[in-house]
Amino acid sequence: VARTMVDRWDGTLASATWVTLTEVLLGFACAVTAGLLIACAL
């Protein structure tokens, strides 16, 4: 697994990790915003 992570990092895993990380951070920020607004409204 470690060897595959090193060998496939530049070609595959680096860009895929960045895409997923972007989705996670932006989605989490949307969840925090929506959750706080809904909780305060209720």
Full PDB file with SEQRES, HELIX, SHEET, SSBOND, CRYST1, ORIGX, SCALE, CONECT and MASTER records, all heavy atoms in Angstrom:
SEQRES   1 A   42  VAL ALA ARG THR MET VAL ASP ARG TRP ASP GLY THR LEU          
SEQRES   2 A   42  ALA SER ALA THR TRP VAL THR LEU THR GLU VAL LEU LEU          
SEQRES   3 A   42  GLY PHE ALA CYS ALA VAL THR ALA GLY LEU LEU ILE ALA          
SEQRES   4 A   42  CYS ALA LEU                                                  
HELIX    1 AA1 ALA A    2  ASP A    7  1                                   6    
HELIX    2 AA2 TRP A    9  LEU A   13  3                                   5    
HELIX    3 AA3 ALA A   14  ALA A   41  1                                  28    
CRYST1    1.000    1.000    1.000  90.00  90.00  90.00 P 1           1          
ORIGX1      1.000000  0.000000  0.000000        0.00000                         
ORIGX2      0.000000  1.000000  0.000000        0.00000                         
ORIGX3      0.000000  0.000000  1.000000        0.00000                         
SCALE1      1.000000  0.000000  0.000000        0.00000                         
SCALE2      0.000000  1.000000  0.000000        0.00000                         
SCALE3      0.000000  0.000000  1.000000        0.00000                         
ATOM      1  N   VAL A   1       0.832  -1.201   0.000  1.00  0.00           N  
ATOM      2  CA  VAL A   1       0.000   0.000   0.000  1.00  0.00           C  
ATOM      3  C   VAL A   1       0.868   1.254   0.000  1.00  0.00           C  
ATOM      4  O   VAL A   1       0.616   2.206  -0.756  1.00  0.00           O  
ATOM      5  CB  VAL A   1      -0.950  -0.008   1.222  1.00  0.00           C  
ATOM      6  CG1 VAL A   1      -1.731   1.303   1.292  1.00  0.00           C  
ATOM      7  CG2 VAL A   1      -1.902  -1.194   1.152  1.00  0.00           C  
ATOM      8  N   ALA A   2       1.893   1.255   0.843  1.00  0.00           N  
ATOM      9  CA  ALA A   2       2.794   2.413   0.904  1.00  0.00           C  
ATOM     10  C   ALA A   2       3.523   2.598  -0.427  1.00  0.00           C  
ATOM     11  O   ALA A   2       3.682   3.733  -0.902  1.00  0.00           O  
ATOM     12  CB  ALA A   2       3.801   2.228   2.034  1.00  0.00           C  
ATOM     13  N   ARG A   3       3.955   1.498  -1.042  1.00  0.00           N  
ATOM     14  CA  ARG A   3       4.650   1.602  -2.327  1.00  0.00           C  
ATOM     15  C   ARG A   3       3.715   2.144  -3.408  1.00  0.00           C  
ATOM     16  O   ARG A   3       4.113   2.991  -4.223  1.00  0.00           O  
ATOM     17  CB  ARG A   3       5.199   0.232  -2.727  1.00  0.00           C  
ATOM     18  CG  ARG A   3       6.035   0.254  -4.001  1.00  0.00           C  
ATOM     19  CD  ARG A   3       6.732  -1.064  -4.237  1.00  0.00           C  
ATOM     20  NE  ARG A   3       5.790  -2.170  -4.325  1.00  0.00           N  
ATOM     21  CZ  ARG A   3       5.658  -3.129  -3.408  1.00  0.00           C  
ATOM     22  NH1 ARG A   3       6.413  -3.104  -2.312  1.00  0.00           N  
ATOM     23  NH2 ARG A   3       4.789  -4.106  -3.559  1.00  0.00           N  
ATOM     24  N   THR A   4       2.469   1.683  -3.404  1.00  0.00           N  
ATOM     25  CA  THR A   4       1.489   2.183  -4.376  1.00  0.00           C  
ATOM     26  C   THR A   4       1.208   3.658  -4.155  1.00  0.00           C  
ATOM     27  O   THR A   4       1.071   4.426  -5.115  1.00  0.00           O  
ATOM     28  CB  THR A   4       0.182   1.373  -4.269  1.00  0.00           C  
ATOM     29  OG1 THR A   4       0.459   0.001  -4.524  1.00  0.00           O  
ATOM     30  CG2 THR A   4      -0.856   1.887  -5.246  1.00  0.00           C  
ATOM     31  N   MET A   5       1.138   4.065  -2.905  1.00  0.00           N  
ATOM     32  CA  MET A   5       0.875   5.479  -2.606  1.00  0.00           C  
ATOM     33  C   MET A   5       1.989   6.369  -3.146  1.00  0.00           C  
ATOM     34  O   MET A   5       1.736   7.455  -3.677  1.00  0.00           O  
ATOM     35  CB  MET A   5       0.707   5.669  -1.100  1.00  0.00           C  
ATOM     36  CG  MET A   5       0.157   7.022  -0.697  1.00  0.00           C  
ATOM     37  SD  MET A   5      -0.080   7.158   1.105  1.00  0.00           S  
ATOM     38  CE  MET A   5      -1.238   5.820   1.389  1.00  0.00           C  
ATOM     39  N   VAL A   6       3.227   5.897  -3.025  1.00  0.00           N  
ATOM     40  CA  VAL A   6       4.359   6.671  -3.531  1.00  0.00           C  
ATOM     41  C   VAL A   6       4.395   6.655  -5.057  1.00  0.00           C  
ATOM     42  O   VAL A   6       4.572   7.697  -5.705  1.00  0.00           O  
ATOM     43  CB  VAL A   6       5.679   6.131  -2.951  1.00  0.00           C  
ATOM     44  CG1 VAL A   6       6.878   6.820  -3.599  1.00  0.00           C  
ATOM     45  CG2 VAL A   6       5.712   6.328  -1.439  1.00  0.00           C  
ATOM     46  N   ASP A   7       4.194   5.482  -5.642  1.00  0.00           N  
ATOM     47  CA  ASP A   7       4.302   5.346  -7.104  1.00  0.00           C  
ATOM     48  C   ASP A   7       3.180   6.075  -7.835  1.00  0.00           C  
ATOM     49  O   ASP A   7       3.402   6.639  -8.916  1.00  0.00           O  
ATOM     50  CB  ASP A   7       4.292   3.862  -7.501  1.00  0.00           C  
ATOM     51  CG  ASP A   7       5.521   3.122  -7.006  1.00  0.00           C  
ATOM     52  OD1 ASP A   7       6.530   3.797  -6.681  1.00  0.00           O  
ATOM     53  OD2 ASP A   7       5.478   1.875  -6.919  1.00  0.00           O  
ATOM     54  N   ARG A   8       1.976   6.069  -7.265  1.00  0.00           N  
ATOM     55  CA  ARG A   8       0.818   6.653  -7.951  1.00  0.00           C  
ATOM     56  C   ARG A   8       0.468   8.054  -7.468  1.00  0.00           C  
ATOM     57  O   ARG A   8      -0.561   8.596  -7.871  1.00  0.00           O  
ATOM     58  CB  ARG A   8      -0.405   5.737  -7.754  1.00  0.00           C  
ATOM     59  CG  ARG A   8      -0.234   4.317  -8.255  1.00  0.00           C  
ATOM     60  CD  ARG A   8      -0.124   4.254  -9.766  1.00  0.00           C  
ATOM     61  NE  ARG A   8      -1.339   4.701 -10.393  1.00  0.00           N  
ATOM     62  CZ  ARG A   8      -2.374   3.883 -10.682  1.00  0.00           C  
ATOM     63  NH1 ARG A   8      -2.279   2.594 -10.393  1.00  0.00           N  
ATOM     64  NH2 ARG A   8      -3.447   4.344 -11.267  1.00  0.00           N  
ATOM     65  N   TRP A   9       1.318   8.634  -6.614  1.00  0.00           N  
ATOM     66  CA  TRP A   9       0.981   9.944  -6.057  1.00  0.00           C  
ATOM     67  C   TRP A   9       0.935  11.021  -7.128  1.00  0.00           C  
ATOM     68  O   TRP A   9      -0.057  11.745  -7.265  1.00  0.00           O  
ATOM     69  CB  TRP A   9       1.965  10.320  -4.957  1.00  0.00           C  
ATOM     70  CG  TRP A   9       1.731  11.690  -4.389  1.00  0.00           C  
ATOM     71  CD1 TRP A   9       2.463  12.808  -4.618  1.00  0.00           C  
ATOM     72  CD2 TRP A   9       0.654  12.077  -3.530  1.00  0.00           C  
ATOM     73  NE1 TRP A   9       1.925  13.874  -3.939  1.00  0.00           N  
ATOM     74  CE2 TRP A   9       0.809  13.450  -3.269  1.00  0.00           C  
ATOM     75  CE3 TRP A   9      -0.418  11.394  -2.956  1.00  0.00           C  
ATOM     76  CZ2 TRP A   9      -0.065  14.150  -2.454  1.00  0.00           C  
ATOM     77  CZ3 TRP A   9      -1.288  12.099  -2.139  1.00  0.00           C  
ATOM     78  CH2 TRP A   9      -1.114  13.449  -1.904  1.00  0.00           C  
ATOM     79  N   ASP A  10       2.001  11.150  -7.914  1.00  0.00           N  
ATOM     80  CA  ASP A  10       2.074  12.221  -8.913  1.00  0.00           C  
ATOM     81  C   ASP A  10       1.056  12.030 -10.029  1.00  0.00           C  
ATOM     82  O   ASP A  10       0.438  12.987 -10.497  1.00  0.00           O  
ATOM     83  CB  ASP A  10       3.487  12.300  -9.501  1.00  0.00           C  
ATOM     84  CG  ASP A  10       4.507  12.801  -8.485  1.00  0.00           C  
ATOM     85  OD1 ASP A  10       4.092  13.538  -7.568  1.00  0.00           O  
ATOM     86  OD2 ASP A  10       5.689  12.437  -8.597  1.00  0.00           O  
ATOM     87  N   GLY A  11       0.864  10.824 -10.466  1.00  0.00           N  
ATOM     88  CA  GLY A  11      -0.005  10.610 -11.614  1.00  0.00           C  
ATOM     89  C   GLY A  11      -1.480  10.553 -11.296  1.00  0.00           C  
ATOM     90  O   GLY A  11      -2.314  10.954 -12.098  1.00  0.00           O  
ATOM     91  N   THR A  12      -1.836  10.029 -10.103  1.00  0.00           N  
ATOM     92  CA  THR A  12      -3.248   9.766  -9.811  1.00  0.00           C  
ATOM     93  C   THR A  12      -3.708  10.356  -8.489  1.00  0.00           C  
ATOM     94  O   THR A  12      -4.680  11.115  -8.432  1.00  0.00           O  
ATOM     95  CB  THR A  12      -3.506   8.243  -9.799  1.00  0.00           C  
ATOM     96  OG1 THR A  12      -3.121   7.688 -11.055  1.00  0.00           O  
ATOM     97  CG2 THR A  12      -4.978   7.949  -9.546  1.00  0.00           C  
ATOM     98  N   LEU A  13      -3.020  10.008  -7.413  1.00  0.00           N  
ATOM     99  CA  LEU A  13      -3.535  10.288  -6.077  1.00  0.00           C  
ATOM    100  C   LEU A  13      -3.473  11.759  -5.699  1.00  0.00           C  
ATOM    101  O   LEU A  13      -4.330  12.236  -4.951  1.00  0.00           O  
ATOM    102  CB  LEU A  13      -2.765   9.457  -5.050  1.00  0.00           C  
ATOM    103  CG  LEU A  13      -2.998   7.943  -5.138  1.00  0.00           C  
ATOM    104  CD1 LEU A  13      -2.105   7.212  -4.151  1.00  0.00           C  
ATOM    105  CD2 LEU A  13      -4.464   7.619  -4.871  1.00  0.00           C  
ATOM    106  N   ALA A  14      -2.470  12.489  -6.179  1.00  0.00           N  
ATOM    107  CA  ALA A  14      -2.337  13.897  -5.779  1.00  0.00           C  
ATOM    108  C   ALA A  14      -3.541  14.713  -6.239  1.00  0.00           C  
ATOM    109  O   ALA A  14      -4.164  15.432  -5.446  1.00  0.00           O  
ATOM    110  CB  ALA A  14      -1.041  14.481  -6.347  1.00  0.00           C  
ATOM    111  N   SER A  15      -3.874  14.625  -7.525  1.00  0.00           N  
ATOM    112  CA  SER A  15      -5.015  15.390  -8.037  1.00  0.00           C  
ATOM    113  C   SER A  15      -6.324  14.906  -7.435  1.00  0.00           C  
ATOM    114  O   SER A  15      -7.212  15.712  -7.114  1.00  0.00           O  
ATOM    115  CB  SER A  15      -5.070  15.289  -9.559  1.00  0.00           C  
ATOM    116  OG  SER A  15      -5.257  13.947  -9.970  1.00  0.00           O  
ATOM    117  N   ALA A  16      -6.461  13.580  -7.252  1.00  0.00           N  
ATOM    118  CA  ALA A  16      -7.693  13.046  -6.668  1.00  0.00           C  
ATOM    119  C   ALA A  16      -7.861  13.502  -5.225  1.00  0.00           C  
ATOM    120  O   ALA A  16      -8.976  13.846  -4.793  1.00  0.00           O  
ATOM    121  CB  ALA A  16      -7.677  11.525  -6.748  1.00  0.00           C  
ATOM    122  N   THR A  17      -6.767  13.531  -4.476  1.00  0.00           N  
ATOM    123  CA  THR A  17      -6.832  13.990  -3.083  1.00  0.00           C  
ATOM    124  C   THR A  17      -7.228  15.459  -3.009  1.00  0.00           C  
ATOM    125  O   THR A  17      -8.039  15.851  -2.148  1.00  0.00           O  
ATOM    126  CB  THR A  17      -5.471  13.778  -2.393  1.00  0.00           C  
ATOM    127  OG1 THR A  17      -5.125  12.394  -2.447  1.00  0.00           O  
ATOM    128  CG2 THR A  17      -5.521  14.223  -0.944  1.00  0.00           C  
ATOM    129  N   TRP A  18      -6.695  16.259  -3.894  1.00  0.00           N  
ATOM    130  CA  TRP A  18      -7.030  17.685  -3.892  1.00  0.00           C  
ATOM    131  C   TRP A  18      -8.510  17.901  -4.210  1.00  0.00           C  
ATOM    132  O   TRP A  18      -9.174  18.728  -3.577  1.00  0.00           O  
ATOM    133  CB  TRP A  18      -6.157  18.426  -4.895  1.00  0.00           C  
ATOM    134  CG  TRP A  18      -6.522  19.876  -5.036  1.00  0.00           C  
ATOM    135  CD1 TRP A  18      -7.119  20.480  -6.103  1.00  0.00           C  
ATOM    136  CD2 TRP A  18      -6.341  20.902  -4.056  1.00  0.00           C  
ATOM    137  NE1 TRP A  18      -7.318  21.810  -5.858  1.00  0.00           N  
ATOM    138  CE2 TRP A  18      -6.849  22.098  -4.604  1.00  0.00           C  
ATOM    139  CE3 TRP A  18      -5.795  20.914  -2.777  1.00  0.00           C  
ATOM    140  CZ2 TRP A  18      -6.820  23.288  -3.906  1.00  0.00           C  
ATOM    141  CZ3 TRP A  18      -5.773  22.105  -2.084  1.00  0.00           C  
ATOM    142  CH2 TRP A  18      -6.277  23.281  -2.655  1.00  0.00           C  
ATOM    143  N   VAL A  19      -9.037  17.138  -5.165  1.00  0.00           N  
ATOM    144  CA  VAL A  19     -10.456  17.261  -5.525  1.00  0.00           C  
ATOM    145  C   VAL A  19     -11.345  16.879  -4.340  1.00  0.00           C  
ATOM    146  O   VAL A  19     -12.289  17.600  -3.987  1.00  0.00           O  
ATOM    147  CB  VAL A  19     -10.777  16.388  -6.754  1.00  0.00           C  
ATOM    148  CG1 VAL A  19     -12.279  16.304  -6.984  1.00  0.00           C  
ATOM    149  CG2 VAL A  19     -10.100  16.944  -7.990  1.00  0.00           C  
ATOM    150  N   THR A  20     -11.046  15.748  -3.731  1.00  0.00           N  
ATOM    151  CA  THR A  20     -11.862  15.298  -2.600  1.00  0.00           C  
ATOM    152  C   THR A  20     -11.732  16.242  -1.410  1.00  0.00           C  
ATOM    153  O   THR A  20     -12.720  16.534  -0.721  1.00  0.00           O  
ATOM    154  CB  THR A  20     -11.446  13.872  -2.185  1.00  0.00           C  
ATOM    155  OG1 THR A  20     -11.575  13.000  -3.311  1.00  0.00           O  
ATOM    156  CG2 THR A  20     -12.324  13.362  -1.058  1.00  0.00           C  
ATOM    157  N   LEU A  21     -10.533  16.742  -1.156  1.00  0.00           N  
ATOM    158  CA  LEU A  21     -10.333  17.680  -0.052  1.00  0.00           C  
ATOM    159  C   LEU A  21     -11.129  18.959  -0.274  1.00  0.00           C  
ATOM    160  O   LEU A  21     -11.721  19.503   0.665  1.00  0.00           O  
ATOM    161  CB  LEU A  21      -8.848  17.998   0.093  1.00  0.00           C  
ATOM    162  CG  LEU A  21      -8.462  18.959   1.222  1.00  0.00           C  
ATOM    163  CD1 LEU A  21      -8.850  18.380   2.573  1.00  0.00           C  
ATOM    164  CD2 LEU A  21      -6.967  19.263   1.189  1.00  0.00           C  
ATOM    165  N   THR A  22     -11.167  19.433  -1.516  1.00  0.00           N  
ATOM    166  CA  THR A  22     -11.967  20.616  -1.829  1.00  0.00           C  
ATOM    167  C   THR A  22     -13.443  20.372  -1.546  1.00  0.00           C  
ATOM    168  O   THR A  22     -14.130  21.216  -0.957  1.00  0.00           O  
ATOM    169  CB  THR A  22     -11.773  21.001  -3.304  1.00  0.00           C  
ATOM    170  OG1 THR A  22     -10.386  21.256  -3.553  1.00  0.00           O  
ATOM    171  CG2 THR A  22     -12.573  22.253  -3.651  1.00  0.00           C  
ATOM    172  N   GLU A  23     -13.930  19.207  -1.953  1.00  0.00           N  
ATOM    173  CA  GLU A  23     -15.336  18.871  -1.698  1.00  0.00           C  
ATOM    174  C   GLU A  23     -15.624  18.795  -0.209  1.00  0.00           C  
ATOM    175  O   GLU A  23     -16.665  19.277   0.263  1.00  0.00           O  
ATOM    176  CB  GLU A  23     -15.664  17.536  -2.366  1.00  0.00           C  
ATOM    177  CG  GLU A  23     -15.562  17.548  -3.875  1.00  0.00           C  
ATOM    178  CD  GLU A  23     -15.562  16.159  -4.478  1.00  0.00           C  
ATOM    179  OE1 GLU A  23     -15.569  15.179  -3.700  1.00  0.00           O  
ATOM    180  OE2 GLU A  23     -15.541  16.048  -5.716  1.00  0.00           O  
ATOM    181  N   VAL A  24     -14.703  18.205   0.537  1.00  0.00           N  
ATOM    182  CA  VAL A  24     -14.906  18.045   1.980  1.00  0.00           C  
ATOM    183  C   VAL A  24     -14.934  19.403   2.678  1.00  0.00           C  
ATOM    184  O   VAL A  24     -15.843  19.690   3.479  1.00  0.00           O  
ATOM    185  CB  VAL A  24     -13.799  17.151   2.573  1.00  0.00           C  
ATOM    186  CG1 VAL A  24     -13.824  17.206   4.098  1.00  0.00           C  
ATOM    187  CG2 VAL A  24     -13.971  15.718   2.109  1.00  0.00           C  
ATOM    188  N   LEU A  25     -13.980  20.258   2.382  1.00  0.00           N  
ATOM    189  CA  LEU A  25     -13.889  21.545   3.072  1.00  0.00           C  
ATOM    190  C   LEU A  25     -15.049  22.464   2.706  1.00  0.00           C  
ATOM    191  O   LEU A  25     -15.667  23.084   3.587  1.00  0.00           O  
ATOM    192  CB  LEU A  25     -12.555  22.211   2.748  1.00  0.00           C  
ATOM    193  CG  LEU A  25     -11.304  21.508   3.282  1.00  0.00           C  
ATOM    194  CD1 LEU A  25     -10.048  22.267   2.870  1.00  0.00           C  
ATOM    195  CD2 LEU A  25     -11.362  21.357   4.792  1.00  0.00           C  
ATOM    196  N   LEU A  26     -15.360  22.556   1.404  1.00  0.00           N  
ATOM    197  CA  LEU A  26     -16.469  23.424   0.993  1.00  0.00           C  
ATOM    198  C   LEU A  26     -17.811  22.881   1.484  1.00  0.00           C  
ATOM    199  O   LEU A  26     -18.666  23.638   1.946  1.00  0.00           O  
ATOM    200  CB  LEU A  26     -16.479  23.568  -0.530  1.00  0.00           C  
ATOM    201  CG  LEU A  26     -15.311  24.342  -1.145  1.00  0.00           C  
ATOM    202  CD1 LEU A  26     -15.435  24.390  -2.661  1.00  0.00           C  
ATOM    203  CD2 LEU A  26     -15.240  25.756  -0.582  1.00  0.00           C  
ATOM    204  N   GLY A  27     -17.985  21.569   1.395  1.00  0.00           N  
ATOM    205  CA  GLY A  27     -19.229  20.980   1.885  1.00  0.00           C  
ATOM    206  C   GLY A  27     -19.382  21.139   3.381  1.00  0.00           C  
ATOM    207  O   GLY A  27     -20.487  21.413   3.883  1.00  0.00           O  
ATOM    208  N   PHE A  28     -18.280  20.980   4.120  1.00  0.00           N  
ATOM    209  CA  PHE A  28     -18.333  21.160   5.571  1.00  0.00           C  
ATOM    210  C   PHE A  28     -18.646  22.607   5.917  1.00  0.00           C  
ATOM    211  O   PHE A  28     -19.422  22.868   6.847  1.00  0.00           O  
ATOM    212  CB  PHE A  28     -16.999  20.740   6.180  1.00  0.00           C  
ATOM    213  CG  PHE A  28     -16.975  20.774   7.679  1.00  0.00           C  
ATOM    214  CD1 PHE A  28     -17.689  19.854   8.421  1.00  0.00           C  
ATOM    215  CD2 PHE A  28     -16.227  21.728   8.355  1.00  0.00           C  
ATOM    216  CE1 PHE A  28     -17.660  19.877   9.806  1.00  0.00           C  
ATOM    217  CE2 PHE A  28     -16.194  21.771   9.732  1.00  0.00           C  
ATOM    218  CZ  PHE A  28     -16.917  20.836  10.464  1.00  0.00           C  
ATOM    219  N   ALA A  29     -18.071  23.549   5.185  1.00  0.00           N  
ATOM    220  CA  ALA A  29     -18.369  24.964   5.422  1.00  0.00           C  
ATOM    221  C   ALA A  29     -19.844  25.256   5.160  1.00  0.00           C  
ATOM    222  O   ALA A  29     -20.488  25.997   5.924  1.00  0.00           O  
ATOM    223  CB  ALA A  29     -17.487  25.840   4.527  1.00  0.00           C  
ATOM    224  N   CYS A  30     -20.396  24.669   4.088  1.00  0.00           N  
ATOM    225  CA  CYS A  30     -21.835  24.838   3.806  1.00  0.00           C  
ATOM    226  C   CYS A  30     -22.674  24.242   4.928  1.00  0.00           C  
ATOM    227  O   CYS A  30     -23.696  24.820   5.327  1.00  0.00           O  
ATOM    228  CB  CYS A  30     -22.193  24.178   2.483  1.00  0.00           C  
ATOM    229  SG  CYS A  30     -21.480  24.963   1.021  1.00  0.00           S  
ATOM    230  N   ALA A  31     -22.263  23.085   5.450  1.00  0.00           N  
ATOM    231  CA  ALA A  31     -23.006  22.439   6.529  1.00  0.00           C  
ATOM    232  C   ALA A  31     -22.989  23.283   7.793  1.00  0.00           C  
ATOM    233  O   ALA A  31     -24.011  23.422   8.480  1.00  0.00           O  
ATOM    234  CB  ALA A  31     -22.419  21.055   6.806  1.00  0.00           C  
ATOM    235  N   VAL A  32     -21.825  23.863   8.116  1.00  0.00           N  
ATOM    236  CA  VAL A  32     -21.719  24.710   9.314  1.00  0.00           C  
ATOM    237  C   VAL A  32     -22.608  25.942   9.171  1.00  0.00           C  
ATOM    238  O   VAL A  32     -23.353  26.296  10.094  1.00  0.00           O  
ATOM    239  CB  VAL A  32     -20.256  25.120   9.542  1.00  0.00           C  
ATOM    240  CG1 VAL A  32     -20.153  26.149  10.662  1.00  0.00           C  
ATOM    241  CG2 VAL A  32     -19.402  23.899   9.870  1.00  0.00           C  
ATOM    242  N   THR A  33     -22.551  26.572   8.001  1.00  0.00           N  
ATOM    243  CA  THR A  33     -23.374  27.768   7.780  1.00  0.00           C  
ATOM    244  C   THR A  33     -24.849  27.447   7.867  1.00  0.00           C  
ATOM    245  O   THR A  33     -25.616  28.119   8.577  1.00  0.00           O  
ATOM    246  CB  THR A  33     -23.043  28.381   6.408  1.00  0.00           C  
ATOM    247  OG1 THR A  33     -21.639  28.679   6.343  1.00  0.00           O  
ATOM    248  CG2 THR A  33     -23.834  29.656   6.187  1.00  0.00           C  
ATOM    249  N   ALA A  34     -25.274  26.412   7.133  1.00  0.00           N  
ATOM    250  CA  ALA A  34     -26.693  26.042   7.130  1.00  0.00           C  
ATOM    251  C   ALA A  34     -27.132  25.572   8.510  1.00  0.00           C  
ATOM    252  O   ALA A  34     -28.236  25.919   8.973  1.00  0.00           O  
ATOM    253  CB  ALA A  34     -26.942  24.953   6.090  1.00  0.00           C  
ATOM    254  N   GLY A  35     -26.296  24.777   9.185  1.00  0.00           N  
ATOM    255  CA  GLY A  35     -26.666  24.271  10.494  1.00  0.00           C  
ATOM    256  C   GLY A  35     -26.852  25.367  11.521  1.00  0.00           C  
ATOM    257  O   GLY A  35     -27.811  25.356  12.300  1.00  0.00           O  
ATOM    258  N   LEU A  36     -25.942  26.349  11.539  1.00  0.00           N  
ATOM    259  CA  LEU A  36     -26.063  27.456  12.490  1.00  0.00           C  
ATOM    260  C   LEU A  36     -27.292  28.313  12.193  1.00  0.00           C  
ATOM    261  O   LEU A  36     -28.015  28.712  13.115  1.00  0.00           O  
ATOM    262  CB  LEU A  36     -24.799  28.308  12.457  1.00  0.00           C  
ATOM    263  CG  LEU A  36     -23.556  27.695  13.108  1.00  0.00           C  
ATOM    264  CD1 LEU A  36     -22.355  28.612  12.930  1.00  0.00           C  
ATOM    265  CD2 LEU A  36     -23.806  27.429  14.582  1.00  0.00           C  
ATOM    266  N   LEU A  37     -27.523  28.588  10.917  1.00  0.00           N  
ATOM    267  CA  LEU A  37     -28.688  29.404  10.562  1.00  0.00           C  
ATOM    268  C   LEU A  37     -29.993  28.705  10.934  1.00  0.00           C  
ATOM    269  O   LEU A  37     -30.907  29.322  11.492  1.00  0.00           O  
ATOM    270  CB  LEU A  37     -28.665  29.717   9.064  1.00  0.00           C  
ATOM    271  CG  LEU A  37     -27.575  30.689   8.591  1.00  0.00           C  
ATOM    272  CD1 LEU A  37     -27.609  30.836   7.078  1.00  0.00           C  
ATOM    273  CD2 LEU A  37     -27.746  32.055   9.261  1.00  0.00           C  
ATOM    274  N   ILE A  38     -30.075  27.413  10.645  1.00  0.00           N  
ATOM    275  CA  ILE A  38     -31.290  26.667  10.965  1.00  0.00           C  
ATOM    276  C   ILE A  38     -31.479  26.580  12.477  1.00  0.00           C  
ATOM    277  O   ILE A  38     -32.598  26.775  12.991  1.00  0.00           O  
ATOM    278  CB  ILE A  38     -31.230  25.261  10.339  1.00  0.00           C  
ATOM    279  CG1 ILE A  38     -31.295  25.359   8.816  1.00  0.00           C  
ATOM    280  CG2 ILE A  38     -32.374  24.391  10.852  1.00  0.00           C  
ATOM    281  CD1 ILE A  38     -31.053  24.044   8.104  1.00  0.00           C  
ATOM    282  N   ALA A  39     -30.400  26.288  13.208  1.00  0.00           N  
ATOM    283  CA  ALA A  39     -30.512  26.177  14.664  1.00  0.00           C  
ATOM    284  C   ALA A  39     -30.945  27.496  15.294  1.00  0.00           C  
ATOM    285  O   ALA A  39     -31.822  27.518  16.172  1.00  0.00           O  
ATOM    286  CB  ALA A  39     -29.172  25.722  15.249  1.00  0.00           C  
ATOM    287  N   CYS A  40     -30.367  28.598  14.849  1.00  0.00           N  
ATOM    288  CA  CYS A  40     -30.746  29.904  15.395  1.00  0.00           C  
ATOM    289  C   CYS A  40     -32.188  30.242  15.052  1.00  0.00           C  
ATOM    290  O   CYS A  40     -32.935  30.779  15.890  1.00  0.00           O  
ATOM    291  CB  CYS A  40     -29.805  30.984  14.871  1.00  0.00           C  
ATOM    292  SG  CYS A  40     -28.115  30.848  15.495  1.00  0.00           S  
ATOM    293  N   ALA A  41     -32.605  29.944  13.822  1.00  0.00           N  
ATOM    294  CA  ALA A  41     -33.990  30.228  13.423  1.00  0.00           C  
ATOM    295  C   ALA A  41     -34.975  29.418  14.259  1.00  0.00           C  
ATOM    296  O   ALA A  41     -35.996  29.946  14.733  1.00  0.00           O  
ATOM    297  CB  ALA A  41     -34.170  29.925  11.938  1.00  0.00           C  
ATOM    298  N   LEU A  42     -34.690  28.143  14.478  1.00  0.00           N  
ATOM    299  CA  LEU A  42     -35.586  27.304  15.276  1.00  0.00           C  
ATOM    300  C   LEU A  42     -35.578  27.725  16.739  1.00  0.00           C  
ATOM    301  O   LEU A  42     -36.594  27.589  17.434  1.00  0.00           O  
ATOM    302  CB  LEU A  42     -35.180  25.837  15.147  1.00  0.00           C  
ATOM    303  CG  LEU A  42     -35.267  25.220  13.751  1.00  0.00           C  
ATOM    304  CD1 LEU A  42     -34.927  23.736  13.804  1.00  0.00           C  
ATOM    305  CD2 LEU A  42     -36.644  25.420  13.137  1.00  0.00           C  
TER     306      LEU A  42                                                      
MASTER        0    0    0    3    0    0    0    6  305    1    0    4          
END                                                                             
